[in-house]
Amino acid sequence: MSWPSTWRLVLGQVRYQLLTFWRTPVALFFTIMLPLIMLLLFNSLFGDAEVDIEGGGQWPARQFYTGGLAVFTAVSATYTNLSNQVPIRREEGVLKRWRGTPLPTSAYIAGFIGSAIVLAFAGTLLMLGIGVVAYDLEVDAAKMPAAAVTFVIGVATFAAWGMAVAALVPSASSAAAVANATILPLAFVSNVFIVTDDAPEWITTVGDIFPLKPFVVSFQDAFNPFIDAPAFQWTKLGYIALWGLVGLVIAIKNFTWEPTPGGQSTRGRRAARQAAMSETG
C-alpha cells in the first residue's frame, strides 16, 4: 500500500479545515457574513456619494466600498481566522495530538493556511460579484492580472501574520482580543470603511505604515476606472511582501505545538462554568 502524496495529504487537510469552518457558525458569520452586511449597509447609507480621485475624477462610493470590503473579507479569512483558530486547536491539545500522527506537520499547517486562502478567495469573489451585479463595478480584463497578483501577495502576507499572532499569544482568548484590536482600528485608517485622503496627517501616516492600506489601495486600483491598465502598484506590493516576510520569520521562530503551561482549554473553562453554576444553583 503506497503512502498518499504530499499534495493529496495537503488537499485532504484543506477539505477537513473547510468542513470544520462551515460547521462553526460564529466563524462563518464574522469571516463572510459580516463584511457582506457591511457592504450592503454602507452602500445603502453612503453609496450615492462620490470619492475624489487624484487627477480630478470622482469614483462612486459604492464601488469604492466593494473593493475595500473585498480585501477586508480576505484579511478576515486569513489573518483573523488563523490567529483565532490555531491557538484554540493548540490549547485543546489538537495540535499536539496531530503532531503524534504519521501525517507530516507541514501538511497539517498547509491545510490550515490553504483553507484560509480558499475562504479568502471565495469571500472576495462573492463581494466582487455583488459589486458587478448591484453596483456597476467595472471589471477591465487588462487590469485583472494586477488584481490577482495583489490578492496573492496580500493574503499570503496576512496569512503569515495570522500564524505569527497565533505563535505569539499565550492563549486562545488573548488571540481573539489581539486579532480584533489590531485589524479593526487599522481598517478605519486604511480606506476600508471610510476614505482617509483628507484625514489628519497622523492617521494617514499610521495607515501607510501597516500593510492593510497598501493592500486595499492596490486592489481598489484594479477596479478604478480612473487608473490605467495594467494598474500594478509595484512599490506597494513590494512593501506588503516585506511585511509578509517579517511575519513568516516571526511565525516560524515562535510557533509551538504544545499548549501553554498553566493554560485552560475551552472545554475546561466550560466545565468550570457549569460546575460553578451547579454549585450556586
Foldseek 3Di string as FASTA:
>chain_A
DDDDDLVVLLVVLLVVVLVVQVVDVVLCCVQAVVLVVLLVVCCVVQQQDWDADPPGDTHGVSLLQLLLSLLVSLLCLAQVVLLQPLQQCLQVLNLVVVVPDPRDNVSNVSSSLVNSNVRSVVRSVVSVVCCVVPVVFDADVQQVVLLVLLSVLQSLLSNLLSLLSNLPDQHSVVSNVVSCVPPVVLSVLQSNNDDCPVPPPVSVVVNVQDLSNLSSVQNSQSRDPVRDPNSHPVVSSVSSNVSSVVSNVSSVVRHDSHHRPPDHHPVRVVVVVVVVVVVVD
